[in-house]
Structures are given as structure tokens and as C-alpha cells.
Amino acid sequence: MEQIKDYHELSTSFTNVENWLFSSGLTITDSHDENLGGVHAYIDEKTQNYGFLYPEITGYFISSLKFLFAHNRDKIDLAKNSANWLINLNKKYGGIIQSLNNNQKLVYSFDTAICANGLLDCYDLTNDKTYLDTAEKLLNWISNEALNSNGTLKPFYDLNSKKFNESKDVWYKQKGCLHIKATIPFIHFYRITKNKNFLKIGLNIANSINHFINDDGSVRLHIDQKIIHLHSLCYALEGLIHVYDVTRDQKYLSICINAINWCVSKIQNDGSILLWYSSKNSNAKTCYHIAQLIRLMILIEKISNEKYSSHIEKLYSYLQQLQSKDSSNISNGGFYEEFYKTLFGWKKRYKLNSWGSMFALQALYWKENSSQITFDNEAKLLF
């Protein structure tokens, strides 16, 4: 049987995005900087400027490091720096605020969940109980304050007004299927502690999927609208994958299969797939939702009778078009955010997207080692 490729045999595409994560300046590594460990949202290739420091994405960064460590790429100090930055942020503001560059101090339940999972990943790497304890506090805040009885989450808490709010200004300020991904840290905490109360909460969040499923298997963004947002649909399925991993309840896998099969029907001849459906929003083909689909297809194919290889190849080929091949450290290997639709056709947005690049990192590794990976080993590493 073919052995899993070692570090030097992996594709240039994988090694380039991995190198970009560590050499582009995306993460603050200056020990004298008070934001040591914080991760920027993006890099603007044209201006060479970094986007805002993004706590949610800092959580994803820690999870990316945990994934890499599982394949013998040790970056524990970076993970600790990022986890410590999140802990200090929470202490300073009384919550995981979305951005330091905004007078509005908003604490998103989704972001808090992603950061809690990052802290749990840091605990897995270090066995330092500080990270476990802080993650538990964040999860208790979600379950005690943000969780509705039907499993949906209140989107955000305003630290200035001391109230939870909801707004139709943007999609992520409303209760939506995206919040089903918040089940992941509850399942993760259960895996570590065997505390069944956290499993129960995770299942409650996961079961809110029933409010969002359409008759054709797709998953709508909000309860009261027909809009489908592929990025959020994938978030929901990522949560369900973790629930299936610990429960082996077929209903969660069936929901994932039906939704992915709907997505397959939307893949275009060039391997692209749109971000929005049944929506007036301007459309896009992003690196992040395409990488998410690849990851989900690979995992689901491992645990079911579904065959997605040809569709994975098409998506993979299109994703490659969004990877920078610029020679500079600030760009080379990162993934551009998207192709966006204009009156004059599709144009590339020259922002190197941090979370899209992290999702792509995992998608590339799994795709290149597809014959060797197993659902049981990899599903718990899905971030």
C-alpha cells in the first residue's frame, strides 16, 4: 500500500500555502508586540497592507497548527501565542470581540465558538489546563446566554449596550445555519472530559438544522428566507460531521449527503460553484467555500457509499486558480479571496484570505493523501 507522502513529497501547492501562513507576516510574531499571536484577516496584495487582527481567524489558526502537528509539523509556540492573545482579549473586554479596529464592541456567538475550539486544540497540544478552563468559560457563556431553546444562537452581544441584538444589515448578524458549526467545541470538550452535558448542548445546536433544511436537501441561510449561502451551508455540515463522528447517528450523515449532493448539481463546467443562490446579493466564487466543499466531500466519501472523486477534481482544479504564484513572501502560496462578478465579467479580488488559505491547506493535504486517510482519524481535525 502506498505510504503517506512525507513533507518533502507533498505538492508545491501545499508547501507554498503552508510556508505563506508562517512567512507572510499574517501572524504577529514580535514578542514585544502586545498583540503577539494575533492573526490578520487578509493581506492586500496591491497595497501590501494587512487587514485587521481577527480573533475568529486566530482560533482557526490554532486549529490549523493542531492539524499540521498531527502530521509531524510542530508549531506549538505559535499556537500558545495565539491562544494567549485570545485569553487576554477576553479578559480585557469581557468577551471575544470581533475586531480591535472598531468602536463597536460586538461579541459574536459564532466567533466565540471558533475561538473556544482553538483553545481546546491548544490544550490538546500542550496539556495546559489554562486553555481548557478558558474554553469552558466561553462555552458556558454560549450555552447560558446565547443559546435559544430551539438550538439556534443569538448572533451577537453588544458590550456597550449590554444586550444581544440581531440585524438584517448583514447575513451573519441574524440567526442562521452557520451557527450549527458552534456545536464543534461542545463536542470537542465532550471528547476531552466525557462531560455529557456538553454533548447534550452540542446535539441541541446540531438539531436546529431541522429549521433550515429545504425539500431538495439544500440548507437555507436563515429560517424565514429562501437564500442559500454556500459558506454557511458548509459551516452547518462541518458541525454535523463532528456530531456524527461521536454519535454515529445516521440522520446527521444523511443530511450531509443530501446537502452535498445538492451542491454537486450546482458545480459548473469549469469546476466553480457560486456562493449565493436565490439571492439578490452580488455573486462570488470564493476560495473558502470551495475548499470547505472539498474537505466535506473527502470525509463523506470515506464513511459512505457516495463517490465524489470526479467532483473533487473539478473543484480542486478551480481552487488552484485562486492560489498566488507571486514570488514575494507576502503573497506566494496564499489564496486570493474570490472571483467576483461585475458588469464586465469575473474579476479576481487581490486580497489573500487567511481563513480560506487555512481551509485550503487542509483540503489540499486530504486530497493529495486521499487513499491513505480515514474518517475516524481525520474527522475530528476538521476545523
Protein backbone atom coordinates (compact mmCIF):
# COMPACT_ATOMS: atom_id res chain seq x y z
CA MET A 1 0.00 0.00 0.00
CA GLU A 2 1.26 3.49 -0.88
CA GLN A 3 2.74 5.30 2.09
CA ILE A 4 1.52 8.75 3.09
CA LYS A 5 3.77 11.33 1.46
CA ASP A 6 6.32 12.91 3.71
CA TYR A 7 6.83 16.66 3.99
CA HIS A 8 9.18 16.93 1.00
CA GLU A 9 6.94 14.90 -1.31
CA LEU A 10 3.81 16.98 -0.86
CA SER A 11 2.75 19.20 -3.74
CA THR A 12 4.20 22.63 -4.31
CA SER A 13 0.69 24.00 -3.81
CA PHE A 14 0.54 22.58 -0.27
CA THR A 15 4.05 23.54 0.78
CA ASN A 16 3.57 27.05 -0.61
CA VAL A 17 0.39 27.74 1.36
CA GLU A 18 1.96 26.28 4.49
CA ASN A 19 5.03 28.49 4.04
CA TRP A 20 2.79 31.50 3.38
CA LEU A 21 1.00 31.04 6.70
CA PHE A 22 4.32 31.28 8.52
CA SER A 23 6.40 33.69 6.41
CA SER A 24 3.95 36.30 5.11
CA GLY A 25 3.60 38.27 8.34
CA LEU A 26 -0.02 37.19 8.61
CA THR A 27 0.57 36.32 12.27
CA ILE A 28 2.22 38.71 14.71
CA THR A 29 5.42 37.07 15.97
CA ASP A 30 7.20 40.07 17.52
CA SER A 31 7.49 39.21 21.22
CA HIS A 32 7.46 42.94 22.07
CA ASP A 33 4.10 43.50 20.36
CA GLU A 34 1.12 43.46 22.73
CA ASN A 35 -0.82 41.59 20.03
CA LEU A 36 1.68 38.73 19.81
CA GLY A 37 -0.16 35.76 18.33
CA GLY A 38 -2.97 37.70 16.69
CA VAL A 39 -3.75 36.83 13.07
CA HIS A 40 -4.74 39.26 10.33
CA ALA A 41 -7.88 38.75 8.26
CA TYR A 42 -6.10 39.18 4.92
CA ILE A 43 -3.21 40.73 3.05
CA ASP A 44 -3.96 43.24 0.29
CA GLU A 45 -1.51 42.28 -2.42
CA LYS A 46 -1.77 45.59 -4.25
CA THR A 47 -1.18 47.86 -1.24
CA GLN A 48 0.89 45.36 0.77
CA ASN A 49 -1.27 46.21 3.77
CA TYR A 50 -2.58 43.74 6.35
CA GLY A 51 -6.23 43.51 7.28
CA PHE A 52 -7.50 43.84 10.84
CA LEU A 53 -6.49 41.41 13.58
CA TYR A 54 -9.28 38.84 13.62
CA PRO A 55 -9.95 36.75 16.76
CA GLU A 56 -12.14 34.20 14.94
CA ILE A 57 -9.39 33.55 12.41
CA THR A 58 -6.83 33.36 15.20
CA GLY A 59 -8.91 30.48 16.51
CA TYR A 60 -8.78 28.83 13.08
CA PHE A 61 -5.02 29.38 13.00
CA ILE A 62 -4.57 27.40 16.22
CA SER A 63 -6.72 24.62 14.77
CA SER A 64 -4.60 24.68 11.60
CA LEU A 65 -1.48 24.25 13.74
CA LYS A 66 -3.10 21.31 15.54
CA PHE A 67 -3.84 19.73 12.15
CA LEU A 68 -0.26 20.26 11.00
CA PHE A 69 1.11 18.90 14.26
CA ALA A 70 -0.90 15.73 13.74
CA HIS A 71 1.23 15.28 10.62
CA ASN A 72 4.53 15.98 12.42
CA ARG A 73 4.83 19.70 11.84
CA ASP A 74 5.46 21.15 15.27
CA LYS A 75 4.46 24.80 15.83
CA ILE A 76 3.36 24.65 19.46
CA ASP A 77 4.86 28.02 20.44
CA LEU A 78 2.83 29.77 17.73
CA ALA A 79 -0.32 28.04 18.97
CA LYS A 80 0.36 29.16 22.55
CA ASN A 81 0.98 32.76 21.45
CA SER A 82 -2.34 32.84 19.60
CA ALA A 83 -4.23 31.16 22.42
CA ASN A 84 -2.75 33.57 24.97
CA TRP A 85 -3.76 36.52 22.79
CA LEU A 86 -7.36 35.27 22.75
CA ILE A 87 -7.34 34.78 26.54
CA ASN A 88 -6.01 38.30 27.10
CA LEU A 89 -8.58 39.73 24.68
CA ASN A 90 -11.38 38.02 26.58
CA LYS A 91 -10.07 39.32 29.91
CA LYS A 92 -9.65 42.86 28.62
CA TYR A 93 -13.08 43.26 27.02
CA GLY A 94 -15.18 40.67 28.80
CA GLY A 95 -15.75 38.77 25.58
CA ILE A 96 -14.16 37.77 22.27
CA ILE A 97 -14.80 40.96 20.30
CA GLN A 98 -14.79 40.77 16.53
CA SER A 99 -12.22 43.50 15.83
CA LEU A 100 -9.87 45.84 17.67
CA ASN A 101 -10.34 48.49 14.97
CA ASN A 102 -13.99 49.21 15.62
CA ASN A 103 -15.64 51.41 18.25
CA GLN A 104 -18.49 48.90 18.35
CA LYS A 105 -17.53 46.16 20.77
CA LEU A 106 -19.55 43.23 19.47
CA VAL A 107 -19.14 39.68 20.73
CA TYR A 108 -20.36 37.14 18.15
CA SER A 109 -21.51 33.76 19.41
CA PHE A 110 -20.09 32.12 16.26
CA ASP A 111 -16.65 33.69 16.69
CA THR A 112 -16.64 32.78 20.37
CA ALA A 113 -17.27 29.13 19.48
CA ILE A 114 -14.44 29.06 16.93
CA CYS A 115 -12.05 30.60 19.46
CA ALA A 116 -13.16 28.11 22.13
CA ASN A 117 -12.33 25.29 19.73
CA GLY A 118 -8.92 26.84 19.04
CA LEU A 119 -8.23 26.96 22.78
CA LEU A 120 -9.21 23.30 23.10
CA ASP A 121 -6.83 22.48 20.26
CA CYS A 122 -4.09 24.33 22.15
CA TYR A 123 -4.96 22.28 25.23
CA ASP A 124 -4.60 19.11 23.13
CA LEU A 125 -1.15 20.29 22.06
CA THR A 126 0.12 21.46 25.47
CA ASN A 127 -1.98 19.77 28.17
CA ASP A 128 -2.05 23.21 29.83
CA LYS A 129 -5.33 23.40 31.74
CA THR A 130 -5.46 27.20 31.34
CA TYR A 131 -6.68 26.70 27.77
CA LEU A 132 -9.23 24.08 28.77
CA ASP A 133 -10.61 26.27 31.56
CA THR A 134 -10.93 29.35 29.36
CA ALA A 135 -12.64 27.34 26.63
CA GLU A 136 -15.10 26.05 29.20
CA LYS A 137 -15.92 29.62 30.28
CA LEU A 138 -16.57 30.63 26.67
CA LEU A 139 -18.79 27.60 26.11
CA ASN A 140 -20.71 28.30 29.31
CA TRP A 141 -21.31 31.85 28.08
CA ILE A 142 -22.70 30.49 24.80
CA SER A 143 -24.92 27.90 26.47
CA ASN A 144 -26.13 30.14 29.33
CA GLU A 145 -26.53 33.43 27.45
CA ALA A 146 -26.63 32.96 23.68
CA LEU A 147 -28.40 29.63 23.20
CA ASN A 148 -32.12 29.63 22.42
CA SER A 149 -34.32 26.73 23.49
CA ASN A 150 -34.70 25.56 19.85
CA GLY A 151 -30.92 25.20 19.42
CA THR A 152 -30.39 28.40 17.45
CA LEU A 153 -27.97 31.03 18.74
CA LYS A 154 -28.39 34.74 19.35
CA PRO A 155 -25.95 36.21 16.83
CA PHE A 156 -24.11 38.88 18.81
CA TYR A 157 -23.84 40.70 22.11
CA ASP A 158 -23.16 44.45 22.25
CA LEU A 159 -20.77 45.17 25.12
CA ASN A 160 -21.72 48.87 25.05
CA SER A 161 -25.48 48.35 25.43
CA LYS A 162 -25.05 45.04 27.29
CA LYS A 163 -27.70 43.43 25.09
CA PHE A 164 -27.95 40.69 22.50
CA ASN A 165 -29.02 42.02 19.13
CA GLU A 166 -29.98 40.85 15.69
CA SER A 167 -29.80 42.86 12.49
CA LYS A 168 -30.75 42.27 8.87
CA ASP A 169 -27.93 44.55 7.71
CA VAL A 170 -25.65 41.59 7.03
CA TRP A 171 -26.18 37.84 6.90
CA TYR A 172 -24.05 36.92 9.93
CA LYS A 173 -25.94 39.28 12.27
CA GLN A 174 -29.00 37.00 12.11
CA LYS A 175 -29.77 33.56 13.48
CA GLY A 176 -28.67 31.19 10.77
CA CYS A 177 -27.49 27.77 9.77
CA LEU A 178 -23.89 28.97 10.21
CA HIS A 179 -24.35 28.73 13.98
CA ILE A 180 -24.63 24.95 13.76
CA LYS A 181 -20.84 24.95 13.47
CA ALA A 182 -20.81 26.13 17.09
CA THR A 183 -21.53 22.53 18.04
CA ILE A 184 -17.87 21.65 17.31
CA PRO A 185 -16.27 22.97 20.54
CA PHE A 186 -19.05 21.40 22.64
CA ILE A 187 -18.34 18.03 21.00
CA HIS A 188 -14.60 18.66 21.38
CA PHE A 189 -14.99 19.45 25.10
CA TYR A 190 -17.03 16.26 25.48
CA ARG A 191 -14.29 14.24 23.77
CA ILE A 192 -11.75 15.59 26.28
CA THR A 193 -13.77 15.49 29.51
CA LYS A 194 -16.56 12.96 28.79
CA ASN A 195 -18.96 15.53 30.30
CA LYS A 196 -22.27 14.50 28.75
CA ASN A 197 -23.86 17.89 29.42
CA PHE A 198 -21.65 19.39 26.73
CA LEU A 199 -22.62 16.60 24.35
CA LYS A 200 -26.28 17.36 25.08
CA ILE A 201 -25.77 21.05 24.30
CA GLY A 202 -23.90 20.20 21.12
CA LEU A 203 -26.73 17.95 19.98
CA ASN A 204 -29.28 20.68 20.71
CA ILE A 205 -27.37 23.08 18.47
CA ALA A 206 -26.91 20.42 15.79
CA ASN A 207 -30.61 19.53 15.77
CA SER A 208 -31.50 23.11 14.89
CA ILE A 209 -30.59 22.04 11.34
CA ASN A 210 -34.23 20.96 11.06
CA HIS A 211 -35.22 24.66 10.89
CA PHE A 212 -33.05 25.19 7.81
CA ILE A 213 -33.40 22.12 5.57
CA ASN A 214 -35.15 22.58 2.23
CA ASP A 215 -37.12 19.85 0.48
CA ASP A 216 -34.35 19.38 -2.09
CA GLY A 217 -31.73 18.73 0.61
CA SER A 218 -30.13 22.16 0.49
CA VAL A 219 -29.74 24.25 3.63
CA ARG A 220 -31.07 27.80 3.69
CA LEU A 221 -29.16 30.57 5.43
CA HIS A 222 -31.99 31.91 7.62
CA ILE A 223 -35.18 30.32 8.88
CA ASP A 224 -37.58 32.72 7.18
CA GLN A 225 -35.84 33.16 3.80
CA LYS A 226 -35.01 31.05 0.75
CA ILE A 227 -31.45 32.35 0.39
CA ILE A 228 -28.69 29.73 0.30
CA HIS A 229 -25.16 30.80 1.22
CA LEU A 230 -22.68 28.03 0.43
CA HIS A 231 -20.14 29.18 3.02
CA SER A 232 -22.77 28.93 5.78
CA LEU A 233 -24.19 25.69 4.40
CA CYS A 234 -20.72 24.19 4.74
CA TYR A 235 -20.38 25.58 8.27
CA ALA A 236 -23.56 23.72 9.22
CA LEU A 237 -22.35 20.46 7.70
CA GLU A 238 -18.97 20.79 9.43
CA GLY A 239 -20.79 20.85 12.75
CA LEU A 240 -22.85 17.82 11.78
CA ILE A 241 -19.73 15.87 10.77
CA HIS A 242 -18.40 16.23 14.31
CA VAL A 243 -21.74 15.17 15.79
CA TYR A 244 -21.85 12.12 13.52
CA ASP A 245 -18.29 11.25 14.50
CA VAL A 246 -19.22 10.87 18.18
CA THR A 247 -22.81 9.57 17.85
CA ARG A 248 -22.73 7.59 14.58
CA ASP A 249 -26.36 8.59 14.22
CA GLN A 250 -27.13 8.09 10.54
CA LYS A 251 -29.54 11.04 10.36
CA TYR A 252 -26.67 13.52 10.59
CA LEU A 253 -24.71 11.82 7.83
CA SER A 254 -27.84 11.62 5.65
CA ILE A 255 -28.40 15.37 5.98
CA CYS A 256 -24.79 15.98 4.95
CA ILE A 257 -25.06 13.65 1.95
CA ASN A 258 -28.29 15.25 0.72
CA ALA A 259 -26.85 18.75 1.02
CA ILE A 260 -23.58 17.82 -0.68
CA ASN A 261 -25.46 16.11 -3.50
CA TRP A 262 -27.41 19.33 -3.99
CA CYS A 263 -24.11 21.19 -4.17
CA VAL A 264 -22.79 18.71 -6.73
CA SER A 265 -25.70 19.64 -9.00
CA LYS A 266 -24.51 23.26 -8.90
CA ILE A 267 -20.88 22.70 -9.86
CA GLN A 268 -20.22 24.43 -13.18
CA ASN A 269 -18.26 23.03 -16.09
CA ASP A 270 -15.12 24.94 -15.11
CA GLY A 271 -15.21 23.46 -11.60
CA SER A 272 -16.51 26.60 -9.93
CA ILE A 273 -19.59 26.92 -7.76
CA LEU A 274 -21.41 30.10 -6.78
CA LEU A 275 -21.54 31.43 -3.24
CA TRP A 276 -25.18 32.64 -3.30
CA TYR A 277 -28.42 31.07 -4.53
CA SER A 278 -31.97 32.54 -4.53
CA SER A 279 -30.40 35.82 -3.53
CA LYS A 280 -30.06 39.37 -4.82
CA ASN A 281 -26.53 39.53 -3.43
CA SER A 282 -23.73 40.06 -5.91
CA ASN A 283 -22.29 36.66 -6.64
CA ALA A 284 -18.84 35.30 -5.98
CA LYS A 285 -16.72 32.17 -6.25
CA THR A 286 -14.61 32.15 -3.09
CA CYS A 287 -11.59 30.12 -2.12
CA TYR A 288 -13.09 29.34 1.27
CA HIS A 289 -16.40 27.77 0.33
CA ILE A 290 -14.75 25.74 -2.45
CA ALA A 291 -12.09 24.44 -0.03
CA GLN A 292 -14.82 23.66 2.50
CA LEU A 293 -16.74 21.60 -0.07
CA ILE A 294 -13.62 19.63 -0.98
CA ARG A 295 -12.98 18.78 2.68
CA LEU A 296 -16.57 17.67 3.26
CA MET A 297 -16.69 15.56 0.11
CA ILE A 298 -13.46 13.76 1.03
CA LEU A 299 -14.69 12.93 4.54
CA ILE A 300 -18.19 11.89 3.48
CA GLU A 301 -16.82 9.66 0.71
CA LYS A 302 -14.74 7.87 3.37
CA ILE A 303 -17.75 6.98 5.52
CA SER A 304 -20.47 6.35 2.91
CA ASN A 305 -21.13 4.82 -0.49
CA GLU A 306 -21.06 8.23 -2.18
CA LYS A 307 -18.49 8.78 -4.94
CA TYR A 308 -17.27 12.36 -5.27
CA SER A 309 -13.79 11.93 -6.78
CA SER A 310 -14.58 13.50 -10.14
CA HIS A 311 -16.30 16.46 -8.48
CA ILE A 312 -13.40 16.91 -6.05
CA GLU A 313 -11.00 17.02 -9.01
CA LYS A 314 -13.04 19.75 -10.69
CA LEU A 315 -13.27 21.87 -7.54
CA TYR A 316 -9.57 21.29 -6.81
CA SER A 317 -8.62 22.44 -10.30
CA TYR A 318 -10.65 25.63 -9.90
CA LEU A 319 -9.27 26.28 -6.41
CA GLN A 320 -5.74 26.22 -7.86
CA GLN A 321 -6.63 29.27 -9.94
CA LEU A 322 -7.07 31.24 -6.74
CA GLN A 323 -3.63 30.48 -5.31
CA SER A 324 -0.98 33.18 -5.63
CA LYS A 325 2.14 32.28 -7.57
CA ASP A 326 3.83 35.61 -6.92
CA SER A 327 7.48 35.31 -5.92
CA SER A 328 7.22 37.56 -2.85
CA ASN A 329 6.89 36.10 0.66
CA ILE A 330 3.89 38.30 1.34
CA SER A 331 1.90 36.67 -1.46
CA ASN A 332 3.31 33.39 -2.73
CA GLY A 333 1.14 30.44 -1.73
CA GLY A 334 -1.76 32.35 -0.20
CA PHE A 335 -5.22 32.04 -1.69
CA TYR A 336 -6.99 35.05 -3.14
CA GLU A 337 -10.39 35.64 -1.62
CA GLU A 338 -12.56 35.24 -4.68
CA PHE A 339 -13.58 35.84 -8.22
CA TYR A 340 -16.44 38.34 -8.08
CA LYS A 341 -18.99 39.15 -10.74
CA THR A 342 -19.02 42.56 -12.43
CA LEU A 343 -20.74 44.05 -15.46
CA PHE A 344 -17.57 43.24 -17.38
CA GLY A 345 -17.26 39.62 -16.26
CA TRP A 346 -15.49 37.82 -13.44
CA LYS A 347 -12.59 39.57 -11.70
CA LYS A 348 -10.14 38.37 -9.08
CA ARG A 349 -10.08 40.14 -5.72
CA TYR A 350 -6.43 40.63 -4.84
CA LYS A 351 -6.77 40.05 -1.14
CA LEU A 352 -5.01 36.97 0.20
CA ASN A 353 -7.60 35.49 2.51
CA SER A 354 -6.40 34.00 5.79
CA TRP A 355 -9.19 31.54 6.62
CA GLY A 356 -9.65 30.50 3.01
CA SER A 357 -5.95 29.65 2.88
CA MET A 358 -6.25 27.63 6.10
CA PHE A 359 -9.24 25.69 4.78
CA ALA A 360 -7.34 25.12 1.52
CA LEU A 361 -4.30 23.83 3.43
CA GLN A 362 -6.39 21.02 4.92
CA ALA A 363 -8.26 20.38 1.67
CA LEU A 364 -5.01 20.02 -0.27
CA TYR A 365 -3.46 17.64 2.24
CA TRP A 366 -6.52 15.39 2.36
CA LYS A 367 -6.92 15.43 -1.41
CA GLU A 368 -3.28 14.54 -2.02
CA ASN A 369 -3.41 11.75 0.57
CA SER A 370 -6.98 10.65 -0.06
CA SER A 371 -6.13 6.97 -0.43
CA GLN A 372 -4.43 6.95 2.97
CA ILE A 373 -6.65 9.00 5.25
CA THR A 374 -9.62 7.63 7.21
CA PHE A 375 -12.74 9.29 8.53
CA ASP A 376 -12.03 8.11 12.07
CA ASN A 377 -8.61 9.77 12.13
CA GLU A 378 -9.38 12.96 10.24
CA ALA A 379 -12.98 13.99 11.04
CA LYS A 380 -12.08 15.31 14.49
CA LEU A 381 -9.42 17.52 12.86
CA LEU A 382 -11.97 19.28 10.63
CA PHE A 383 -11.99 22.95 11.69
